[in-house]
Amino acid sequence: MFGGLGNIMEMMKSAKDLQARMAEFQKELATRRYDAQSGGGAVRVVVDGKGMVVDVKIEPSATQDVELLEDLVKSAVCAAASRAHDAMRAELSQMTGGLNIPGLDSMLPG
């Protein structure tokens, strides 16, 4: 008689567990670091797990050509942010057992 209700209760518990893990995951993202380089290491950018830039290093020789430097910075930022995003997606997939849960992406940065 209450078999269906038991399944709903189990689903609700699973959803609450996932929500708690997501909250913890979001906190952890701020502590993770992903880096990328461009121009053969002339520009190095580090972002956190949320894709926010936390460090930029520029070799002095890269400052000779401002337009090139701008491109190198953009390239390094995009690459580092992409690494952070890919790692976040992989962890999210692992957390959900590979299930594509609608709306779950909106809980994550980026």
PDB file of N, CA and C in Angstrom:
ATOM      1  N   MET A   1       0.805  -1.200   0.000  1.00  0.00           N
ATOM      2  CA  MET A   1       0.000   0.000   0.000  1.00  0.00           C
ATOM      3  C   MET A   1       0.856   1.276   0.000  1.00  0.00           C
ATOM      4  N   PHE A   2       1.943   1.288   0.760  1.00  0.00           N
ATOM      5  CA  PHE A   2       2.781   2.475   0.846  1.00  0.00           C
ATOM      6  C   PHE A   2       4.092   2.330   0.069  1.00  0.00           C
ATOM      7  N   GLY A   3       4.148   1.348  -0.834  1.00  0.00           N
ATOM      8  CA  GLY A   3       5.374   1.114  -1.608  1.00  0.00           C
ATOM      9  C   GLY A   3       5.812   2.329  -2.392  1.00  0.00           C
ATOM     10  N   GLY A   4       4.869   2.980  -3.065  1.00  0.00           N
ATOM     11  CA  GLY A   4       5.195   4.180  -3.833  1.00  0.00           C
ATOM     12  C   GLY A   4       5.656   5.317  -2.949  1.00  0.00           C
ATOM     13  N   LEU A   5       5.060   5.448  -1.789  1.00  0.00           N
ATOM     14  CA  LEU A   5       5.437   6.505  -0.849  1.00  0.00           C
ATOM     15  C   LEU A   5       6.865   6.289  -0.348  1.00  0.00           C
ATOM     16  N   GLY A   6       7.215   5.020  -0.119  1.00  0.00           N
ATOM     17  CA  GLY A   6       8.579   4.704   0.308  1.00  0.00           C
ATOM     18  C   GLY A   6       9.599   5.109  -0.737  1.00  0.00           C
ATOM     19  N   ASN A   7       9.276   4.898  -2.019  1.00  0.00           N
ATOM     20  CA  ASN A   7      10.180   5.289  -3.103  1.00  0.00           C
ATOM     21  C   ASN A   7      10.339   6.801  -3.159  1.00  0.00           C
ATOM     22  N   ILE A   8       9.235   7.505  -2.963  1.00  0.00           N
ATOM     23  CA  ILE A   8       9.296   8.974  -2.972  1.00  0.00           C
ATOM     24  C   ILE A   8      10.142   9.474  -1.812  1.00  0.00           C
ATOM     25  N   MET A   9       9.984   8.872  -0.638  1.00  0.00           N
ATOM     26  CA  MET A   9      10.769   9.276   0.532  1.00  0.00           C
ATOM     27  C   MET A   9      12.262   9.010   0.286  1.00  0.00           C
ATOM     28  N   GLU A  10      12.577   7.883  -0.337  1.00  0.00           N
ATOM     29  CA  GLU A  10      13.969   7.558  -0.637  1.00  0.00           C
ATOM     30  C   GLU A  10      14.538   8.564  -1.643  1.00  0.00           C
ATOM     31  N   MET A  11      13.742   8.929  -2.644  1.00  0.00           N
ATOM     32  CA  MET A  11      14.187   9.925  -3.625  1.00  0.00           C
ATOM     33  C   MET A  11      14.429  11.273  -2.958  1.00  0.00           C
ATOM     34  N   MET A  12      13.558  11.651  -2.037  1.00  0.00           N
ATOM     35  CA  MET A  12      13.724  12.930  -1.328  1.00  0.00           C
ATOM     36  C   MET A  12      14.992  12.907  -0.481  1.00  0.00           C
ATOM     37  N   LYS A  13      15.262  11.785   0.173  1.00  0.00           N
ATOM     38  CA  LYS A  13      16.480  11.662   0.975  1.00  0.00           C
ATOM     39  C   LYS A  13      17.710  11.765   0.070  1.00  0.00           C
ATOM     40  N   SER A  14      17.674  11.098  -1.069  1.00  0.00           N
ATOM     41  CA  SER A  14      18.788  11.153  -2.013  1.00  0.00           C
ATOM     42  C   SER A  14      19.006  12.581  -2.511  1.00  0.00           C
ATOM     43  N   ALA A  15      17.913  13.279  -2.785  1.00  0.00           N
ATOM     44  CA  ALA A  15      18.013  14.671  -3.251  1.00  0.00           C
ATOM     45  C   ALA A  15      18.629  15.553  -2.163  1.00  0.00           C
ATOM     46  N   LYS A  16      18.236  15.348  -0.921  1.00  0.00           N
ATOM     47  CA  LYS A  16      18.803  16.140   0.187  1.00  0.00           C
ATOM     48  C   LYS A  16      20.286  15.836   0.352  1.00  0.00           C
ATOM     49  N   ASP A  17      20.658  14.556   0.225  1.00  0.00           N
ATOM     50  CA  ASP A  17      22.066  14.186   0.322  1.00  0.00           C
ATOM     51  C   ASP A  17      22.876  14.858  -0.785  1.00  0.00           C
ATOM     52  N   LEU A  18      22.343  14.833  -2.004  1.00  0.00           N
ATOM     53  CA  LEU A  18      23.025  15.460  -3.133  1.00  0.00           C
ATOM     54  C   LEU A  18      23.136  16.967  -2.910  1.00  0.00           C
ATOM     55  N   GLN A  19      22.099  17.572  -2.393  1.00  0.00           N
ATOM     56  CA  GLN A  19      22.121  19.010  -2.130  1.00  0.00           C
ATOM     57  C   GLN A  19      23.203  19.354  -1.104  1.00  0.00           C
ATOM     58  N   ALA A  20      23.334  18.534  -0.075  1.00  0.00           N
ATOM     59  CA  ALA A  20      24.372  18.760   0.929  1.00  0.00           C
ATOM     60  C   ALA A  20      25.759  18.602   0.322  1.00  0.00           C
ATOM     61  N   ARG A  21      25.940  17.580  -0.518  1.00  0.00           N
ATOM     62  CA  ARG A  21      27.236  17.385  -1.170  1.00  0.00           C
ATOM     63  C   ARG A  21      27.550  18.548  -2.104  1.00  0.00           C
ATOM     64  N   MET A  22      26.531  19.068  -2.799  1.00  0.00           N
ATOM     65  CA  MET A  22      26.732  20.201  -3.704  1.00  0.00           C
ATOM     66  C   MET A  22      27.172  21.440  -2.925  1.00  0.00           C
ATOM     67  N   ALA A  23      26.561  21.682  -1.773  1.00  0.00           N
ATOM     68  CA  ALA A  23      26.934  22.836  -0.956  1.00  0.00           C
ATOM     69  C   ALA A  23      28.390  22.728  -0.518  1.00  0.00           C
ATOM     70  N   GLU A  24      28.792  21.535  -0.107  1.00  0.00           N
ATOM     71  CA  GLU A  24      30.176  21.302   0.302  1.00  0.00           C
ATOM     72  C   GLU A  24      31.118  21.464  -0.896  1.00  0.00           C
ATOM     73  N   PHE A  25      30.699  20.969  -2.045  1.00  0.00           N
ATOM     74  CA  PHE A  25      31.488  21.069  -3.265  1.00  0.00           C
ATOM     75  C   PHE A  25      31.710  22.525  -3.648  1.00  0.00           C
ATOM     76  N   GLN A  26      30.680  23.342  -3.538  1.00  0.00           N
ATOM     77  CA  GLN A  26      30.813  24.760  -3.884  1.00  0.00           C
ATOM     78  C   GLN A  26      31.828  25.458  -2.982  1.00  0.00           C
ATOM     79  N   LYS A  27      31.843  25.108  -1.703  1.00  0.00           N
ATOM     80  CA  LYS A  27      32.830  25.686  -0.785  1.00  0.00           C
ATOM     81  C   LYS A  27      34.246  25.261  -1.178  1.00  0.00           C
ATOM     82  N   GLU A  28      34.381  23.998  -1.548  1.00  0.00           N
ATOM     83  CA  GLU A  28      35.682  23.449  -1.899  1.00  0.00           C
ATOM     84  C   GLU A  28      36.243  24.070  -3.178  1.00  0.00           C
ATOM     85  N   LEU A  29      35.355  24.449  -4.089  1.00  0.00           N
ATOM     86  CA  LEU A  29      35.810  25.020  -5.364  1.00  0.00           C
ATOM     87  C   LEU A  29      36.710  26.232  -5.165  1.00  0.00           C
ATOM     88  N   ALA A  30      36.425  27.034  -4.171  1.00  0.00           N
ATOM     89  CA  ALA A  30      37.209  28.247  -3.936  1.00  0.00           C
ATOM     90  C   ALA A  30      38.654  27.933  -3.545  1.00  0.00           C
ATOM     91  N   THR A  31      38.900  26.720  -3.059  1.00  0.00           N
ATOM     92  CA  THR A  31      40.257  26.366  -2.632  1.00  0.00           C
ATOM     93  C   THR A  31      41.069  25.684  -3.721  1.00  0.00           C
ATOM     94  N   ARG A  32      40.433  25.258  -4.772  1.00  0.00           N
ATOM     95  CA  ARG A  32      41.140  24.574  -5.865  1.00  0.00           C
ATOM     96  C   ARG A  32      41.850  25.570  -6.762  1.00  0.00           C
ATOM     97  N   ARG A  33      42.925  25.126  -7.397  1.00  0.00           N
ATOM     98  CA  ARG A  33      43.695  25.991  -8.286  1.00  0.00           C
ATOM     99  C   ARG A  33      43.963  25.278  -9.601  1.00  0.00           C
ATOM    100  N   TYR A  34      43.814  26.020 -10.700  1.00  0.00           N
ATOM    101  CA  TYR A  34      44.071  25.511 -12.045  1.00  0.00           C
ATOM    102  C   TYR A  34      44.890  26.574 -12.767  1.00  0.00           C
ATOM    103  N   ASP A  35      45.939  26.144 -13.427  1.00  0.00           N
ATOM    104  CA  ASP A  35      46.778  27.131 -14.101  1.00  0.00           C
ATOM    105  C   ASP A  35      46.939  26.790 -15.574  1.00  0.00           C
ATOM    106  N   ALA A  36      47.331  27.807 -16.314  1.00  0.00           N
ATOM    107  CA  ALA A  36      47.606  27.650 -17.735  1.00  0.00           C
ATOM    108  C   ALA A  36      48.651  28.686 -18.118  1.00  0.00           C
ATOM    109  N   GLN A  37      49.381  28.364 -19.177  1.00  0.00           N
ATOM    110  CA  GLN A  37      50.410  29.265 -19.683  1.00  0.00           C
ATOM    111  C   GLN A  37      50.168  29.536 -21.153  1.00  0.00           C
ATOM    112  N   SER A  38      50.689  30.645 -21.599  1.00  0.00           N
ATOM    113  CA  SER A  38      50.652  30.949 -23.029  1.00  0.00           C
ATOM    114  C   SER A  38      51.966  31.616 -23.393  1.00  0.00           C
ATOM    115  N   GLY A  39      52.230  31.658 -24.684  1.00  0.00           N
ATOM    116  CA  GLY A  39      53.471  32.282 -25.145  1.00  0.00           C
ATOM    117  C   GLY A  39      54.698  31.552 -24.641  1.00  0.00           C
ATOM    118  N   GLY A  40      54.618  30.235 -24.567  1.00  0.00           N
ATOM    119  CA  GLY A  40      55.768  29.464 -24.103  1.00  0.00           C
ATOM    120  C   GLY A  40      56.125  29.739 -22.654  1.00  0.00           C
ATOM    121  N   GLY A  41      55.137  30.108 -21.874  1.00  0.00           N
ATOM    122  CA  GLY A  41      55.368  30.383 -20.456  1.00  0.00           C
ATOM    123  C   GLY A  41      55.570  31.864 -20.163  1.00  0.00           C
ATOM    124  N   ALA A  42      55.425  32.710 -21.172  1.00  0.00           N
ATOM    125  CA  ALA A  42      55.593  34.150 -20.954  1.00  0.00           C
ATOM    126  C   ALA A  42      54.485  34.706 -20.060  1.00  0.00           C
ATOM    127  N   VAL A  43      53.306  34.082 -20.134  1.00  0.00           N
ATOM    128  CA  VAL A  43      52.178  34.492 -19.296  1.00  0.00           C
ATOM    129  C   VAL A  43      51.646  33.242 -18.606  1.00  0.00           C
ATOM    130  N   ARG A  44      51.464  33.337 -17.307  1.00  0.00           N
ATOM    131  CA  ARG A  44      50.907  32.233 -16.521  1.00  0.00           C
ATOM    132  C   ARG A  44      49.763  32.782 -15.693  1.00  0.00           C
ATOM    133  N   VAL A  45      48.619  32.095 -15.759  1.00  0.00           N
ATOM    134  CA  VAL A  45      47.429  32.521 -15.027  1.00  0.00           C
ATOM    135  C   VAL A  45      46.949  31.368 -14.159  1.00  0.00           C
ATOM    136  N   VAL A  46      46.537  31.680 -12.943  1.00  0.00           N
ATOM    137  CA  VAL A  46      45.972  30.698 -12.021  1.00  0.00           C
ATOM    138  C   VAL A  46      44.560  31.159 -11.675  1.00  0.00           C
ATOM    139  N   VAL A  47      43.611  30.220 -11.783  1.00  0.00           N
ATOM    140  CA  VAL A  47      42.230  30.512 -11.392  1.00  0.00           C
ATOM    141  C   VAL A  47      41.825  29.527 -10.304  1.00  0.00           C
ATOM    142  N   ASP A  48      40.800  29.906  -9.537  1.00  0.00           N
ATOM    143  CA  ASP A  48      40.280  28.968  -8.553  1.00  0.00           C
ATOM    144  C   ASP A  48      39.235  28.072  -9.217  1.00  0.00           C
ATOM    145  N   GLY A  49      38.651  27.184  -8.462  1.00  0.00           N
ATOM    146  CA  GLY A  49      37.685  26.244  -9.003  1.00  0.00           C
ATOM    147  C   GLY A  49      36.417  26.884  -9.511  1.00  0.00           C
ATOM    148  N   LYS A  50      36.198  28.149  -9.175  1.00  0.00           N
ATOM    149  CA  LYS A  50      35.029  28.871  -9.667  1.00  0.00           C
ATOM    150  C   LYS A  50      35.360  29.673 -10.918  1.00  0.00           C
ATOM    151  N   GLY A  51      36.630  29.591 -11.353  1.00  0.00           N
ATOM    152  CA  GLY A  51      37.043  30.296 -12.560  1.00  0.00           C
ATOM    153  C   GLY A  51      37.499  31.724 -12.318  1.00  0.00           C
ATOM    154  N   MET A  52      37.633  32.117 -11.059  1.00  0.00           N
ATOM    155  CA  MET A  52      38.086  33.473 -10.738  1.00  0.00           C
ATOM    156  C   MET A  52      39.610  33.525 -10.758  1.00  0.00           C
ATOM    157  N   VAL A  53      40.159  34.547 -11.395  1.00  0.00           N
ATOM    158  CA  VAL A  53      41.611  34.699 -11.491  1.00  0.00           C
ATOM    159  C   VAL A  53      42.178  35.010 -10.104  1.00  0.00           C
ATOM    160  N   VAL A  54      43.179  34.224  -9.694  1.00  0.00           N
ATOM    161  CA  VAL A  54      43.809  34.450  -8.395  1.00  0.00           C
ATOM    162  C   VAL A  54      45.272  34.877  -8.528  1.00  0.00           C
ATOM    163  N   ASP A  55      45.870  34.647  -9.705  1.00  0.00           N
ATOM    164  CA  ASP A  55      47.262  35.056  -9.885  1.00  0.00           C
ATOM    165  C   ASP A  55      47.577  35.179 -11.370  1.00  0.00           C
ATOM    166  N   VAL A  56      48.401  36.154 -11.695  1.00  0.00           N
ATOM    167  CA  VAL A  56      48.890  36.358 -13.063  1.00  0.00           C
ATOM    168  C   VAL A  56      50.384  36.661 -12.976  1.00  0.00           C
ATOM    169  N   LYS A  57      51.167  35.939 -13.742  1.00  0.00           N
ATOM    170  CA  LYS A  57      52.609  36.191 -13.829  1.00  0.00           C
ATOM    171  C   LYS A  57      52.950  36.474 -15.280  1.00  0.00           C
ATOM    172  N   ILE A  58      53.716  37.549 -15.506  1.00  0.00           N
ATOM    173  CA  ILE A  58      54.114  37.941 -16.857  1.00  0.00           C
ATOM    174  C   ILE A  58      55.626  38.116 -16.893  1.00  0.00           C
ATOM    175  N   GLU A  59      56.260  37.431 -17.823  1.00  0.00           N
ATOM    176  CA  GLU A  59      57.693  37.593 -18.017  1.00  0.00           C
ATOM    177  C   GLU A  59      57.941  38.997 -18.578  1.00  0.00           C
ATOM    178  N   PRO A  60      58.945  39.679 -18.086  1.00  0.00           N
ATOM    179  CA  PRO A  60      59.233  41.040 -18.569  1.00  0.00           C
ATOM    180  C   PRO A  60      59.389  41.134 -20.082  1.00  0.00           C
ATOM    181  N   SER A  61      59.940  40.103 -20.706  1.00  0.00           N
ATOM    182  CA  SER A  61      60.139  40.138 -22.153  1.00  0.00           C
ATOM    183  C   SER A  61      58.813  40.189 -22.914  1.00  0.00           C
ATOM    184  N   ALA A  62      57.732  39.764 -22.293  1.00  0.00           N
ATOM    185  CA  ALA A  62      56.418  39.755 -22.949  1.00  0.00           C
ATOM    186  C   ALA A  62      55.793  41.141 -23.003  1.00  0.00           C
ATOM    187  N   THR A  63      56.373  42.100 -22.326  1.00  0.00           N
ATOM    188  CA  THR A  63      55.787  43.443 -22.280  1.00  0.00           C
ATOM    189  C   THR A  63      56.215  44.329 -23.449  1.00  0.00           C
ATOM    190  N   GLN A  64      57.035  43.804 -24.324  1.00  0.00           N
ATOM    191  CA  GLN A  64      57.519  44.602 -25.452  1.00  0.00           C
ATOM    192  C   GLN A  64      56.426  44.880 -26.483  1.00  0.00           C
ATOM    193  N   ASP A  65      55.499  43.957 -26.628  1.00  0.00           N
ATOM    194  CA  ASP A  65      54.416  44.087 -27.610  1.00  0.00           C
ATOM    195  C   ASP A  65      53.086  43.993 -26.871  1.00  0.00           C
ATOM    196  N   VAL A  66      52.456  45.132 -26.659  1.00  0.00           N
ATOM    197  CA  VAL A  66      51.243  45.192 -25.843  1.00  0.00           C
ATOM    198  C   VAL A  66      50.105  44.367 -26.446  1.00  0.00           C
ATOM    199  N   GLU A  67      49.902  44.447 -27.754  1.00  0.00           N
ATOM    200  CA  GLU A  67      48.821  43.678 -28.379  1.00  0.00           C
ATOM    201  C   GLU A  67      49.041  42.177 -28.217  1.00  0.00           C
ATOM    202  N   LEU A  68      50.258  41.744 -28.385  1.00  0.00           N
ATOM    203  CA  LEU A  68      50.575  40.334 -28.193  1.00  0.00           C
ATOM    204  C   LEU A  68      50.360  39.938 -26.734  1.00  0.00           C
ATOM    205  N   LEU A  69      50.783  40.783 -25.821  1.00  0.00           N
ATOM    206  CA  LEU A  69      50.600  40.512 -24.392  1.00  0.00           C
ATOM    207  C   LEU A  69      49.121  40.377 -24.050  1.00  0.00           C
ATOM    208  N   GLU A  70      48.302  41.252 -24.601  1.00  0.00           N
ATOM    209  CA  GLU A  70      46.854  41.157 -24.357  1.00  0.00           C
ATOM    210  C   GLU A  70      46.309  39.811 -24.825  1.00  0.00           C
ATOM    211  N   ASP A  71      46.749  39.375 -26.005  1.00  0.00           N
ATOM    212  CA  ASP A  71      46.301  38.078 -26.530  1.00  0.00           C
ATOM    213  C   ASP A  71      46.794  36.922 -25.662  1.00  0.00           C
ATOM    214  N   LEU A  72      48.027  37.017 -25.196  1.00  0.00           N
ATOM    215  CA  LEU A  72      48.578  35.966 -24.352  1.00  0.00           C
ATOM    216  C   LEU A  72      47.827  35.865 -23.026  1.00  0.00           C
ATOM    217  N   VAL A  73      47.493  37.004 -22.452  1.00  0.00           N
ATOM    218  CA  VAL A  73      46.742  37.009 -21.180  1.00  0.00           C
ATOM    219  C   VAL A  73      45.360  36.401 -21.393  1.00  0.00           C
ATOM    220  N   LYS A  74      44.669  36.832 -22.450  1.00  0.00           N
ATOM    221  CA  LYS A  74      43.337  36.270 -22.732  1.00  0.00           C
ATOM    222  C   LYS A  74      43.416  34.768 -22.942  1.00  0.00           C
ATOM    223  N   SER A  75      44.402  34.330 -23.669  1.00  0.00           N
ATOM    224  CA  SER A  75      44.561  32.907 -23.949  1.00  0.00           C
ATOM    225  C   SER A  75      44.798  32.105 -22.670  1.00  0.00           C
ATOM    226  N   ALA A  76      45.669  32.592 -21.824  1.00  0.00           N
ATOM    227  CA  ALA A  76      45.976  31.889 -20.576  1.00  0.00           C
ATOM    228  C   ALA A  76      44.775  31.879 -19.640  1.00  0.00           C
ATOM    229  N   VAL A  77      44.053  32.986 -19.559  1.00  0.00           N
ATOM    230  CA  VAL A  77      42.861  33.052 -18.703  1.00  0.00           C
ATOM    231  C   VAL A  77      41.801  32.064 -19.192  1.00  0.00           C
ATOM    232  N   CYS A  78      41.564  32.059 -20.490  1.00  0.00           N
ATOM    233  CA  CYS A  78      40.562  31.135 -21.049  1.00  0.00           C
ATOM    234  C   CYS A  78      40.951  29.680 -20.820  1.00  0.00           C
ATOM    235  N   ALA A  79      42.222  29.351 -21.011  1.00  0.00           N
ATOM    236  CA  ALA A  79      42.675  27.979 -20.832  1.00  0.00           C
ATOM    237  C   ALA A  79      42.557  27.539 -19.376  1.00  0.00           C
ATOM    238  N   ALA A  80      42.947  28.407 -18.452  1.00  0.00           N
ATOM    239  CA  ALA A  80      42.856  28.058 -17.031  1.00  0.00           C
ATOM    240  C   ALA A  80      41.393  27.915 -16.604  1.00  0.00           C
ATOM    241  N   ALA A  81      40.534  28.832 -17.050  1.00  0.00           N
ATOM    242  CA  ALA A  81      39.111  28.752 -16.713  1.00  0.00           C
ATOM    243  C   ALA A  81      38.485  27.496 -17.308  1.00  0.00           C
ATOM    244  N   SER A  82      38.913  27.124 -18.496  1.00  0.00           N
ATOM    245  CA  SER A  82      38.407  25.915 -19.136  1.00  0.00           C
ATOM    246  C   SER A  82      38.817  24.672 -18.343  1.00  0.00           C
ATOM    247  N   ARG A  83      40.042  24.655 -17.842  1.00  0.00           N
ATOM    248  CA  ARG A  83      40.485  23.532 -17.007  1.00  0.00           C
ATOM    249  C   ARG A  83      39.648  23.438 -15.733  1.00  0.00           C
ATOM    250  N   ALA A  84      39.383  24.577 -15.126  1.00  0.00           N
ATOM    251  CA  ALA A  84      38.566  24.583 -13.905  1.00  0.00           C
ATOM    252  C   ALA A  84      37.160  24.074 -14.214  1.00  0.00           C
ATOM    253  N   HIS A  85      36.593  24.532 -15.317  1.00  0.00           N
ATOM    254  CA  HIS A  85      35.239  24.130 -15.707  1.00  0.00           C
ATOM    255  C   HIS A  85      35.178  22.629 -16.007  1.00  0.00           C
ATOM    256  N   ASP A  86      36.163  22.116 -16.731  1.00  0.00           N
ATOM    257  CA  ASP A  86      36.191  20.693 -17.066  1.00  0.00           C
ATOM    258  C   ASP A  86      36.310  19.832 -15.809  1.00  0.00           C
ATOM    259  N   ALA A  87      37.150  20.260 -14.870  1.00  0.00           N
ATOM    260  CA  ALA A  87      37.316  19.512 -13.622  1.00  0.00           C
ATOM    261  C   ALA A  87      36.020  19.538 -12.812  1.00  0.00           C
ATOM    262  N   MET A  88      35.355  20.685 -12.799  1.00  0.00           N
ATOM    263  CA  MET A  88      34.093  20.826 -12.075  1.00  0.00           C
ATOM    264  C   MET A  88      33.037  19.906 -12.684  1.00  0.00           C
ATOM    265  N   ARG A  89      32.945  19.882 -13.994  1.00  0.00           N
ATOM    266  CA  ARG A  89      31.987  19.014 -14.687  1.00  0.00           C
ATOM    267  C   ARG A  89      32.262  17.537 -14.398  1.00  0.00           C
ATOM    268  N   ALA A  90      33.542  17.152 -14.434  1.00  0.00           N
ATOM    269  CA  ALA A  90      33.905  15.757 -14.172  1.00  0.00           C
ATOM    270  C   ALA A  90      33.512  15.354 -12.757  1.00  0.00           C
ATOM    271  N   GLU A  91      33.774  16.219 -11.809  1.00  0.00           N
ATOM    272  CA  GLU A  91      33.411  15.915 -10.423  1.00  0.00           C
ATOM    273  C   GLU A  91      31.900  15.861 -10.255  1.00  0.00           C
ATOM    274  N   LEU A  92      31.199  16.758 -10.915  1.00  0.00           N
ATOM    275  CA  LEU A  92      29.736  16.760 -10.848  1.00  0.00           C
ATOM    276  C   LEU A  92      29.168  15.472 -11.432  1.00  0.00           C
ATOM    277  N   SER A  93      29.741  15.029 -12.529  1.00  0.00           N
ATOM    278  CA  SER A  93      29.296  13.781 -13.154  1.00  0.00           C
ATOM    279  C   SER A  93      29.527  12.600 -12.222  1.00  0.00           C
ATOM    280  N   GLN A  94      30.671  12.602 -11.565  1.00  0.00           N
ATOM    281  CA  GLN A  94      30.980  11.530 -10.622  1.00  0.00           C
ATOM    282  C   GLN A  94      30.017  11.582  -9.433  1.00  0.00           C
ATOM    283  N   MET A  95      29.712  12.786  -8.964  1.00  0.00           N
ATOM    284  CA  MET A  95      28.837  12.964  -7.813  1.00  0.00           C
ATOM    285  C   MET A  95      27.414  12.456  -8.093  1.00  0.00           C
ATOM    286  N   THR A  96      26.974  12.625  -9.330  1.00  0.00           N
ATOM    287  CA  THR A  96      25.607  12.244  -9.691  1.00  0.00           C
ATOM    288  C   THR A  96      25.550  10.877 -10.364  1.00  0.00           C
ATOM    289  N   GLY A  97      26.664  10.182 -10.396  1.00  0.00           N
ATOM    290  CA  GLY A  97      26.682   8.878 -11.039  1.00  0.00           C
ATOM    291  C   GLY A  97      26.472   8.962 -12.533  1.00  0.00           C
ATOM    292  N   GLY A  98      26.825  10.094 -13.136  1.00  0.00           N
ATOM    293  CA  GLY A  98      26.688  10.283 -14.575  1.00  0.00           C
ATOM    294  C   GLY A  98      25.309  10.721 -15.018  1.00  0.00           C
ATOM    295  N   LEU A  99      24.393  10.874 -14.066  1.00  0.00           N
ATOM    296  CA  LEU A  99      23.043  11.313 -14.428  1.00  0.00           C
ATOM    297  C   LEU A  99      23.035  12.787 -14.787  1.00  0.00           C
ATOM    298  N   ASN A 100      22.305  13.129 -15.805  1.00  0.00           N
ATOM    299  CA  ASN A 100      22.133  14.529 -16.188  1.00  0.00           C
ATOM    300  C   ASN A 100      20.874  15.034 -15.492  1.00  0.00           C
ATOM    301  N   ILE A 101      21.053  15.710 -14.381  1.00  0.00           N
ATOM    302  CA  ILE A 101      19.919  16.190 -13.597  1.00  0.00           C
ATOM    303  C   ILE A 101      19.618  17.630 -13.987  1.00  0.00           C
ATOM    304  N   PRO A 102      18.423  17.891 -14.523  1.00  0.00           N
ATOM    305  CA  PRO A 102      18.065  19.244 -14.941  1.00  0.00           C
ATOM    306  C   PRO A 102      18.181  20.232 -13.789  1.00  0.00           C
ATOM    307  N   GLY A 103      18.788  21.390 -14.091  1.00  0.00           N
ATOM    308  CA  GLY A 103      18.912  22.450 -13.104  1.00  0.00           C
ATOM    309  C   GLY A 103      20.134  22.337 -12.220  1.00  0.00           C
ATOM    310  N   LEU A 104      20.829  21.209 -12.233  1.00  0.00           N
ATOM    311  CA  LEU A 104      21.985  21.035 -11.375  1.00  0.00           C
ATOM    312  C   LEU A 104      23.122  21.954 -11.792  1.00  0.00           C
ATOM    313  N   ASP A 105      23.260  22.160 -13.086  1.00  0.00           N
ATOM    314  CA  ASP A 105      24.320  23.066 -13.576  1.00  0.00           C
ATOM    315  C   ASP A 105      24.158  24.470 -13.025  1.00  0.00           C
ATOM    316  N   SER A 106      22.941  24.891 -12.794  1.00  0.00           N
ATOM    317  CA  SER A 106      22.713  26.260 -12.319  1.00  0.00           C
ATOM    318  C   SER A 106      23.214  26.465 -10.894  1.00  0.00           C
ATOM    319  N   MET A 107      23.482  25.369 -10.187  1.00  0.00           N
ATOM    320  CA  MET A 107      24.000  25.473  -8.820  1.00  0.00           C
ATOM    321  C   MET A 107      25.507  25.717  -8.800  1.00  0.00           C
ATOM    322  N   LEU A 108      26.132  25.557  -9.960  1.00  0.00           N
ATOM    323  CA  LEU A 108      27.573  25.698 -10.042  1.00  0.00           C
ATOM    324  C   LEU A 108      27.957  27.003 -10.705  1.00  0.00           C
ATOM    325  N   PRO A 109      29.134  27.535 -10.361  1.00  0.00           N
ATOM    326  CA  PRO A 109      29.588  28.772 -10.990  1.00  0.00           C
ATOM    327  C   PRO A 109      29.941  28.557 -12.446  1.00  0.00           C
ATOM    328  N   GLY A 110      29.958  29.648 -13.191  1.00  0.00           N
ATOM    329  CA  GLY A 110      30.396  29.594 -14.577  1.00  0.00           C
ATOM    330  C   GLY A 110      29.300  29.245 -15.479  1.00  0.00           C
TER     331      GLY A 110
END
